[in-house]
PDB file of N, CA and C in Angstrom:
ATOM      1  N   MET A   1       0.848  -1.179   0.000  1.00  0.00           N
ATOM      2  CA  MET A   1       0.000   0.000   0.000  1.00  0.00           C
ATOM      3  C   MET A   1       0.888   1.235   0.000  1.00  0.00           C
ATOM      4  N   ALA A   2       0.651   2.135  -0.922  1.00  0.00           N
ATOM      5  CA  ALA A   2       1.407   3.381  -0.975  1.00  0.00           C
ATOM      6  C   ALA A   2       0.957   4.297   0.159  1.00  0.00           C
ATOM      7  N   GLN A   3       1.903   4.990   0.724  1.00  0.00           N
ATOM      8  CA  GLN A   3       1.581   5.883   1.835  1.00  0.00           C
ATOM      9  C   GLN A   3       1.787   7.322   1.387  1.00  0.00           C
ATOM     10  N   GLU A   4       0.720   8.108   1.442  1.00  0.00           N
ATOM     11  CA  GLU A   4       0.782   9.500   1.043  1.00  0.00           C
ATOM     12  C   GLU A   4       1.406  10.305   2.178  1.00  0.00           C
ATOM     13  N   LYS A   5       2.416  11.094   1.849  1.00  0.00           N
ATOM     14  CA  LYS A   5       3.076  11.900   2.870  1.00  0.00           C
ATOM     15  C   LYS A   5       2.833  13.367   2.568  1.00  0.00           C
ATOM     16  N   LEU A   6       2.124  14.006   3.477  1.00  0.00           N
ATOM     17  CA  LEU A   6       1.847  15.431   3.347  1.00  0.00           C
ATOM     18  C   LEU A   6       2.729  16.206   4.312  1.00  0.00           C
ATOM     19  N   ARG A   7       3.143  17.388   3.901  1.00  0.00           N
ATOM     20  CA  ARG A   7       3.863  18.268   4.819  1.00  0.00           C
ATOM     21  C   ARG A   7       2.909  18.696   5.930  1.00  0.00           C
ATOM     22  N   LYS A   8       3.471  19.108   7.048  1.00  0.00           N
ATOM     23  CA  LYS A   8       2.655  19.532   8.184  1.00  0.00           C
ATOM     24  C   LYS A   8       1.688  20.649   7.785  1.00  0.00           C
ATOM     25  N   GLU A   9       2.155  21.601   6.975  1.00  0.00           N
ATOM     26  CA  GLU A   9       1.309  22.717   6.543  1.00  0.00           C
ATOM     27  C   GLU A   9       0.114  22.216   5.726  1.00  0.00           C
ATOM     28  N   GLU A  10       0.345  21.230   4.847  1.00  0.00           N
ATOM     29  CA  GLU A  10      -0.735  20.669   4.036  1.00  0.00           C
ATOM     30  C   GLU A  10      -1.742  19.923   4.917  1.00  0.00           C
ATOM     31  N   THR A  11      -1.237  19.203   5.909  1.00  0.00           N
ATOM     32  CA  THR A  11      -2.107  18.483   6.835  1.00  0.00           C
ATOM     33  C   THR A  11      -2.971  19.454   7.628  1.00  0.00           C
ATOM     34  N   LEU A  12      -2.365  20.561   8.106  1.00  0.00           N
ATOM     35  CA  LEU A  12      -3.118  21.566   8.864  1.00  0.00           C
ATOM     36  C   LEU A  12      -4.187  22.222   7.998  1.00  0.00           C
ATOM     37  N   ALA A  13      -3.863  22.513   6.747  1.00  0.00           N
ATOM     38  CA  ALA A  13      -4.846  23.118   5.840  1.00  0.00           C
ATOM     39  C   ALA A  13      -6.007  22.161   5.603  1.00  0.00           C
ATOM     40  N   MET A  14      -5.712  20.885   5.411  1.00  0.00           N
ATOM     41  CA  MET A  14      -6.757  19.891   5.213  1.00  0.00           C
ATOM     42  C   MET A  14      -7.609  19.747   6.475  1.00  0.00           C
ATOM     43  N   ARG A  15      -6.961  19.757   7.626  1.00  0.00           N
ATOM     44  CA  ARG A  15      -7.675  19.650   8.902  1.00  0.00           C
ATOM     45  C   ARG A  15      -8.633  20.831   9.074  1.00  0.00           C
ATOM     46  N   ASN A  16      -8.156  22.036   8.788  1.00  0.00           N
ATOM     47  CA  ASN A  16      -9.006  23.233   8.908  1.00  0.00           C
ATOM     48  C   ASN A  16     -10.199  23.166   7.962  1.00  0.00           C
ATOM     49  N   ARG A  17      -9.965  22.644   6.755  1.00  0.00           N
ATOM     50  CA  ARG A  17     -11.033  22.549   5.764  1.00  0.00           C
ATOM     51  C   ARG A  17     -12.064  21.482   6.160  1.00  0.00           C
ATOM     52  N   LEU A  18     -11.618  20.347   6.668  1.00  0.00           N
ATOM     53  CA  LEU A  18     -12.520  19.226   6.941  1.00  0.00           C
ATOM     54  C   LEU A  18     -13.098  19.211   8.356  1.00  0.00           C
ATOM     55  N   ILE A  19     -12.331  19.671   9.337  1.00  0.00           N
ATOM     56  CA  ILE A  19     -12.775  19.614  10.732  1.00  0.00           C
ATOM     57  C   ILE A  19     -13.174  20.984  11.245  1.00  0.00           C
ATOM     58  N   GLY A  20     -12.456  22.004  10.839  1.00  0.00           N
ATOM     59  CA  GLY A  20     -12.760  23.358  11.296  1.00  0.00           C
ATOM     60  C   GLY A  20     -12.230  23.603  12.700  1.00  0.00           C
ATOM     61  N   GLN A  21     -12.811  24.583  13.357  1.00  0.00           N
ATOM     62  CA  GLN A  21     -12.331  24.992  14.674  1.00  0.00           C
ATOM     63  C   GLN A  21     -13.065  24.297  15.828  1.00  0.00           C
ATOM     64  N   SER A  22     -13.964  23.362  15.513  1.00  0.00           N
ATOM     65  CA  SER A  22     -14.750  22.717  16.567  1.00  0.00           C
ATOM     66  C   SER A  22     -13.926  21.755  17.424  1.00  0.00           C
ATOM     67  N   CYS A  23     -12.796  21.324  16.920  1.00  0.00           N
ATOM     68  CA  CYS A  23     -11.930  20.410  17.669  1.00  0.00           C
ATOM     69  C   CYS A  23     -10.595  21.117  17.906  1.00  0.00           C
ATOM     70  N   ARG A  24     -10.325  21.439  19.155  1.00  0.00           N
ATOM     71  CA  ARG A  24      -9.161  22.251  19.515  1.00  0.00           C
ATOM     72  C   ARG A  24      -7.842  21.507  19.289  1.00  0.00           C
ATOM     73  N   LEU A  25      -6.856  22.226  18.810  1.00  0.00           N
ATOM     74  CA  LEU A  25      -5.507  21.692  18.643  1.00  0.00           C
ATOM     75  C   LEU A  25      -4.681  21.946  19.897  1.00  0.00           C
ATOM     76  N   PHE A  26      -3.956  20.950  20.347  1.00  0.00           N
ATOM     77  CA  PHE A  26      -2.978  21.168  21.405  1.00  0.00           C
ATOM     78  C   PHE A  26      -1.741  21.761  20.740  1.00  0.00           C
ATOM     79  N   TYR A  27      -1.036  22.616  21.421  1.00  0.00           N
ATOM     80  CA  TYR A  27       0.165  23.252  20.880  1.00  0.00           C
ATOM     81  C   TYR A  27      -0.145  23.945  19.557  1.00  0.00           C
ATOM     82  N   SER A  28      -1.136  24.824  19.552  1.00  0.00           N
ATOM     83  CA  SER A  28      -1.588  25.440  18.307  1.00  0.00           C
ATOM     84  C   SER A  28      -0.529  26.305  17.623  1.00  0.00           C
ATOM     85  N   GLU A  29       0.459  26.790  18.366  1.00  0.00           N
ATOM     86  CA  GLU A  29       1.527  27.581  17.742  1.00  0.00           C
ATOM     87  C   GLU A  29       2.416  26.716  16.848  1.00  0.00           C
ATOM     88  N   ASP A  30       2.705  25.511  17.274  1.00  0.00           N
ATOM     89  CA  ASP A  30       3.525  24.568  16.500  1.00  0.00           C
ATOM     90  C   ASP A  30       3.010  23.153  16.785  1.00  0.00           C
ATOM     91  N   PRO A  31       1.875  22.772  16.167  1.00  0.00           N
ATOM     92  CA  PRO A  31       1.268  21.482  16.480  1.00  0.00           C
ATOM     93  C   PRO A  31       2.169  20.310  16.111  1.00  0.00           C
ATOM     94  N   VAL A  32       2.024  19.238  16.858  1.00  0.00           N
ATOM     95  CA  VAL A  32       2.765  18.011  16.603  1.00  0.00           C
ATOM     96  C   VAL A  32       1.997  17.222  15.552  1.00  0.00           C
ATOM     97  N   LYS A  33       2.689  16.755  14.523  1.00  0.00           N
ATOM     98  CA  LYS A  33       2.049  15.924  13.511  1.00  0.00           C
ATOM     99  C   LYS A  33       2.425  14.473  13.795  1.00  0.00           C
ATOM    100  N   ILE A  34       1.463  13.704  14.271  1.00  0.00           N
ATOM    101  CA  ILE A  34       1.690  12.296  14.559  1.00  0.00           C
ATOM    102  C   ILE A  34       1.529  11.516  13.259  1.00  0.00           C
ATOM    103  N   VAL A  35       2.528  10.703  12.934  1.00  0.00           N
ATOM    104  CA  VAL A  35       2.484   9.958  11.676  1.00  0.00           C
ATOM    105  C   VAL A  35       2.370   8.451  11.873  1.00  0.00           C
ATOM    106  N   ARG A  36       2.652   7.975  13.089  1.00  0.00           N
ATOM    107  CA  ARG A  36       2.479   6.548  13.350  1.00  0.00           C
ATOM    108  C   ARG A  36       2.409   6.308  14.853  1.00  0.00           C
ATOM    109  N   ALA A  37       1.987   5.109  15.192  1.00  0.00           N
ATOM    110  CA  ALA A  37       1.876   4.733  16.601  1.00  0.00           C
ATOM    111  C   ALA A  37       2.289   3.280  16.752  1.00  0.00           C
ATOM    112  N   ARG A  38       2.820   2.984  17.929  1.00  0.00           N
ATOM    113  CA  ARG A  38       3.168   1.602  18.256  1.00  0.00           C
ATOM    114  C   ARG A  38       2.999   1.438  19.755  1.00  0.00           C
ATOM    115  N   GLY A  39       2.087   0.530  20.141  1.00  0.00           N
ATOM    116  CA  GLY A  39       1.832   0.345  21.559  1.00  0.00           C
ATOM    117  C   GLY A  39       1.330   1.632  22.173  1.00  0.00           C
ATOM    118  N   GLN A  40       1.964   2.056  23.271  1.00  0.00           N
ATOM    119  CA  GLN A  40       1.541   3.284  23.951  1.00  0.00           C
ATOM    120  C   GLN A  40       2.270   4.523  23.439  1.00  0.00           C
ATOM    121  N   TYR A  41       3.040   4.400  22.367  1.00  0.00           N
ATOM    122  CA  TYR A  41       3.827   5.521  21.861  1.00  0.00           C
ATOM    123  C   TYR A  41       3.311   6.043  20.527  1.00  0.00           C
ATOM    124  N   LEU A  42       3.409   7.358  20.368  1.00  0.00           N
ATOM    125  CA  LEU A  42       3.097   8.045  19.124  1.00  0.00           C
ATOM    126  C   LEU A  42       4.398   8.638  18.603  1.00  0.00           C
ATOM    127  N   PHE A  43       4.534   8.744  17.282  1.00  0.00           N
ATOM    128  CA  PHE A  43       5.759   9.266  16.677  1.00  0.00           C
ATOM    129  C   PHE A  43       5.410  10.403  15.727  1.00  0.00           C
ATOM    130  N   ASP A  44       6.187  11.493  15.819  1.00  0.00           N
ATOM    131  CA  ASP A  44       5.937  12.619  14.923  1.00  0.00           C
ATOM    132  C   ASP A  44       6.694  12.437  13.611  1.00  0.00           C
ATOM    133  N   GLU A  45       6.576  13.416  12.724  1.00  0.00           N
ATOM    134  CA  GLU A  45       7.184  13.312  11.393  1.00  0.00           C
ATOM    135  C   GLU A  45       8.706  13.294  11.429  1.00  0.00           C
ATOM    136  N   ASN A  46       9.287  13.665  12.564  1.00  0.00           N
ATOM    137  CA  ASN A  46      10.745  13.635  12.711  1.00  0.00           C
ATOM    138  C   ASN A  46      11.233  12.401  13.471  1.00  0.00           C
ATOM    139  N   GLY A  47      10.304  11.514  13.832  1.00  0.00           N
ATOM    140  CA  GLY A  47      10.674  10.300  14.554  1.00  0.00           C
ATOM    141  C   GLY A  47      10.702  10.448  16.064  1.00  0.00           C
ATOM    142  N   LYS A  48      10.363  11.637  16.578  1.00  0.00           N
ATOM    143  CA  LYS A  48      10.354  11.849  18.024  1.00  0.00           C
ATOM    144  C   LYS A  48       9.209  11.059  18.646  1.00  0.00           C
ATOM    145  N   ARG A  49       9.496  10.361  19.754  1.00  0.00           N
ATOM    146  CA  ARG A  49       8.522   9.497  20.413  1.00  0.00           C
ATOM    147  C   ARG A  49       7.799  10.246  21.534  1.00  0.00           C
ATOM    148  N   TYR A  50       6.472  10.052  21.602  1.00  0.00           N
ATOM    149  CA  TYR A  50       5.627  10.643  22.644  1.00  0.00           C
ATOM    150  C   TYR A  50       4.828   9.528  23.302  1.00  0.00           C
ATOM    151  N   LEU A  51       4.606   9.645  24.614  1.00  0.00           N
ATOM    152  CA  LEU A  51       3.734   8.718  25.312  1.00  0.00           C
ATOM    153  C   LEU A  51       2.293   9.123  25.043  1.00  0.00           C
ATOM    154  N   ASP A  52       1.451   8.187  24.649  1.00  0.00           N
ATOM    155  CA  ASP A  52       0.053   8.460  24.327  1.00  0.00           C
ATOM    156  C   ASP A  52      -0.739   8.628  25.615  1.00  0.00           C
ATOM    157  N   CYS A  53      -0.873   9.881  26.066  1.00  0.00           N
ATOM    158  CA  CYS A  53      -1.640  10.137  27.285  1.00  0.00           C
ATOM    159  C   CYS A  53      -2.172  11.566  27.264  1.00  0.00           C
ATOM    160  N   ILE A  54      -3.260  11.769  27.972  1.00  0.00           N
ATOM    161  CA  ILE A  54      -3.839  13.101  28.160  1.00  0.00           C
ATOM    162  C   ILE A  54      -4.155  13.219  29.639  1.00  0.00           C
ATOM    163  N   SER A  55      -3.771  14.311  30.254  1.00  0.00           N
ATOM    164  CA  SER A  55      -4.015  14.546  31.684  1.00  0.00           C
ATOM    165  C   SER A  55      -3.463  13.412  32.546  1.00  0.00           C
ATOM    166  N   ASN A  56      -2.276  12.952  32.193  1.00  0.00           N
ATOM    167  CA  ASN A  56      -1.590  11.884  32.923  1.00  0.00           C
ATOM    168  C   ASN A  56      -2.343  10.564  32.930  1.00  0.00           C
ATOM    169  N   VAL A  57      -3.234  10.360  31.974  1.00  0.00           N
ATOM    170  CA  VAL A  57      -3.926   9.077  31.838  1.00  0.00           C
ATOM    171  C   VAL A  57      -3.378   8.400  30.598  1.00  0.00           C
ATOM    172  N   GLN A  58      -2.697   7.302  30.800  1.00  0.00           N
ATOM    173  CA  GLN A  58      -2.119   6.587  29.669  1.00  0.00           C
ATOM    174  C   GLN A  58      -3.217   5.835  28.931  1.00  0.00           C
ATOM    175  N   HIS A  59      -3.283   6.037  27.623  1.00  0.00           N
ATOM    176  CA  HIS A  59      -4.292   5.358  26.818  1.00  0.00           C
ATOM    177  C   HIS A  59      -3.722   4.104  26.177  1.00  0.00           C
ATOM    178  N   GLY A  60      -2.563   4.236  25.554  1.00  0.00           N
ATOM    179  CA  GLY A  60      -1.909   3.080  24.956  1.00  0.00           C
ATOM    180  C   GLY A  60      -2.696   2.399  23.855  1.00  0.00           C
ATOM    181  N   VAL A  61      -3.553   3.136  23.166  1.00  0.00           N
ATOM    182  CA  VAL A  61      -4.364   2.503  22.141  1.00  0.00           C
ATOM    183  C   VAL A  61      -3.779   2.670  20.749  1.00  0.00           C
ATOM    184  N   GLY A  62      -2.885   3.611  20.551  1.00  0.00           N
ATOM    185  CA  GLY A  62      -2.316   3.825  19.231  1.00  0.00           C
ATOM    186  C   GLY A  62      -3.396   4.160  18.223  1.00  0.00           C
ATOM    187  N   LEU A  63      -3.242   3.659  17.022  1.00  0.00           N
ATOM    188  CA  LEU A  63      -4.209   3.902  15.964  1.00  0.00           C
ATOM    189  C   LEU A  63      -5.010   2.635  15.714  1.00  0.00           C
ATOM    190  N   PHE A  64      -6.286   2.788  15.437  1.00  0.00           N
ATOM    191  CA  PHE A  64      -7.135   1.646  15.167  1.00  0.00           C
ATOM    192  C   PHE A  64      -7.399   1.520  13.673  1.00  0.00           C
ATOM    193  N   LEU A  65      -7.502   0.294  13.222  1.00  0.00           N
ATOM    194  CA  LEU A  65      -7.869   0.018  11.849  1.00  0.00           C
ATOM    195  C   LEU A  65      -8.897  -1.096  11.891  1.00  0.00           C
ATOM    196  N   GLY A  66     -10.074  -0.846  11.378  1.00  0.00           N
ATOM    197  CA  GLY A  66     -11.118  -1.862  11.377  1.00  0.00           C
ATOM    198  C   GLY A  66     -11.151  -2.591  10.055  1.00  0.00           C
ATOM    199  N   ILE A  67     -10.978  -3.906  10.087  1.00  0.00           N
ATOM    200  CA  ILE A  67     -11.043  -4.718   8.879  1.00  0.00           C
ATOM    201  C   ILE A  67     -11.822  -5.992   9.177  1.00  0.00           C
ATOM    202  N   GLU A  68     -12.354  -6.593   8.138  1.00  0.00           N
ATOM    203  CA  GLU A  68     -13.030  -7.873   8.256  1.00  0.00           C
ATOM    204  C   GLU A  68     -12.389  -8.793   7.228  1.00  0.00           C
ATOM    205  N   LEU A  69     -11.675  -9.808   7.707  1.00  0.00           N
ATOM    206  CA  LEU A  69     -11.042 -10.756   6.799  1.00  0.00           C
ATOM    207  C   LEU A  69     -12.003 -11.904   6.534  1.00  0.00           C
ATOM    208  N   VAL A  70     -12.235 -12.168   5.252  1.00  0.00           N
ATOM    209  CA  VAL A  70     -13.146 -13.243   4.868  1.00  0.00           C
ATOM    210  C   VAL A  70     -12.494 -14.108   3.801  1.00  0.00           C
ATOM    211  N   THR A  71     -12.948 -15.369   3.718  1.00  0.00           N
ATOM    212  CA  THR A  71     -12.466 -16.259   2.664  1.00  0.00           C
ATOM    213  C   THR A  71     -13.380 -16.206   1.447  1.00  0.00           C
ATOM    214  N   ASP A  72     -14.614 -15.746   1.642  1.00  0.00           N
ATOM    215  CA  ASP A  72     -15.581 -15.624   0.552  1.00  0.00           C
ATOM    216  C   ASP A  72     -16.336 -14.311   0.743  1.00  0.00           C
ATOM    217  N   ARG A  73     -16.168 -13.386  -0.192  1.00  0.00           N
ATOM    218  CA  ARG A  73     -16.787 -12.062  -0.049  1.00  0.00           C
ATOM    219  C   ARG A  73     -18.310 -12.120  -0.005  1.00  0.00           C
ATOM    220  N   GLU A  74     -18.890 -12.953  -0.855  1.00  0.00           N
ATOM    221  CA  GLU A  74     -20.348 -13.006  -0.919  1.00  0.00           C
ATOM    222  C   GLU A  74     -20.961 -13.629   0.331  1.00  0.00           C
ATOM    223  N   LYS A  75     -20.371 -14.716   0.799  1.00  0.00           N
ATOM    224  CA  LYS A  75     -20.897 -15.407   1.981  1.00  0.00           C
ATOM    225  C   LYS A  75     -20.383 -14.808   3.283  1.00  0.00           C
ATOM    226  N   LYS A  76     -19.327 -13.974   3.166  1.00  0.00           N
ATOM    227  CA  LYS A  76     -18.672 -13.368   4.334  1.00  0.00           C
ATOM    228  C   LYS A  76     -18.208 -14.425   5.340  1.00  0.00           C
ATOM    229  N   THR A  77     -17.634 -15.489   4.802  1.00  0.00           N
ATOM    230  CA  THR A  77     -17.089 -16.549   5.647  1.00  0.00           C
ATOM    231  C   THR A  77     -15.828 -16.023   6.321  1.00  0.00           C
ATOM    232  N   PRO A  78     -15.779 -16.005   7.657  1.00  0.00           N
ATOM    233  CA  PRO A  78     -14.614 -15.451   8.358  1.00  0.00           C
ATOM    234  C   PRO A  78     -13.329 -16.207   8.037  1.00  0.00           C
ATOM    235  N   ALA A  79     -12.251 -15.468   7.870  1.00  0.00           N
ATOM    236  CA  ALA A  79     -10.919 -16.046   7.662  1.00  0.00           C
ATOM    237  C   ALA A  79     -10.203 -16.043   9.009  1.00  0.00           C
ATOM    238  N   THR A  80     -10.641 -16.908   9.891  1.00  0.00           N
ATOM    239  CA  THR A  80     -10.190 -16.913  11.276  1.00  0.00           C
ATOM    240  C   THR A  80      -8.682 -17.102  11.418  1.00  0.00           C
ATOM    241  N   GLU A  81      -8.108 -18.034  10.693  1.00  0.00           N
ATOM    242  CA  GLU A  81      -6.671 -18.299  10.791  1.00  0.00           C
ATOM    243  C   GLU A  81      -5.852 -17.106  10.294  1.00  0.00           C
ATOM    244  N   ALA A  82      -6.256 -16.552   9.173  1.00  0.00           N
ATOM    245  CA  ALA A  82      -5.547 -15.385   8.628  1.00  0.00           C
ATOM    246  C   ALA A  82      -5.671 -14.183   9.563  1.00  0.00           C
ATOM    247  N   ALA A  83      -6.865 -13.998  10.147  1.00  0.00           N
ATOM    248  CA  ALA A  83      -7.081 -12.887  11.075  1.00  0.00           C
ATOM    249  C   ALA A  83      -6.199 -13.040  12.313  1.00  0.00           C
ATOM    250  N   ALA A  84      -6.074 -14.261  12.820  1.00  0.00           N
ATOM    251  CA  ALA A  84      -5.212 -14.506  13.985  1.00  0.00           C
ATOM    252  C   ALA A  84      -3.772 -14.148  13.663  1.00  0.00           C
ATOM    253  N   HIS A  85      -3.321 -14.448  12.451  1.00  0.00           N
ATOM    254  CA  HIS A  85      -1.952 -14.111  12.032  1.00  0.00           C
ATOM    255  C   HIS A  85      -1.754 -12.597  11.997  1.00  0.00           C
ATOM    256  N   VAL A  86      -2.741 -11.872  11.473  1.00  0.00           N
ATOM    257  CA  VAL A  86      -2.647 -10.408  11.388  1.00  0.00           C
ATOM    258  C   VAL A  86      -2.607  -9.799  12.782  1.00  0.00           C
ATOM    259  N   VAL A  87      -3.434 -10.282  13.691  1.00  0.00           N
ATOM    260  CA  VAL A  87      -3.505  -9.737  15.038  1.00  0.00           C
ATOM    261  C   VAL A  87      -2.193  -9.950  15.785  1.00  0.00           C
ATOM    262  N   LYS A  88      -1.528 -11.076  15.568  1.00  0.00           N
ATOM    263  CA  LYS A  88      -0.276 -11.381  16.257  1.00  0.00           C
ATOM    264  C   LYS A  88       0.874 -10.527  15.774  1.00  0.00           C
ATOM    265  N   ARG A  89       0.768  -9.938  14.588  1.00  0.00           N
ATOM    266  CA  ARG A  89       1.843  -9.109  14.046  1.00  0.00           C
ATOM    267  C   ARG A  89       1.890  -7.865  14.826  1.00  0.00           C
TER     268      ARG A  89
END
């Protein structure tokens, strides 16, 4: 899967256009752009690691991706073995 990389300025412009001012930015003078997560850590575009927490409450959830693995699209037969392999990664 190709990964689109936007500069921080482009991401902020897109955020303003799609979300607006209803959701407040932390560090609005120089916002942190999180580009990936692993376990309880978030990483910015420069590779700097941050602990995923707000108000000293550790969340440790990282980023979520919802998928449904099936062996047959029409019947939606679960691909249990393949799903177990993906989860263990």
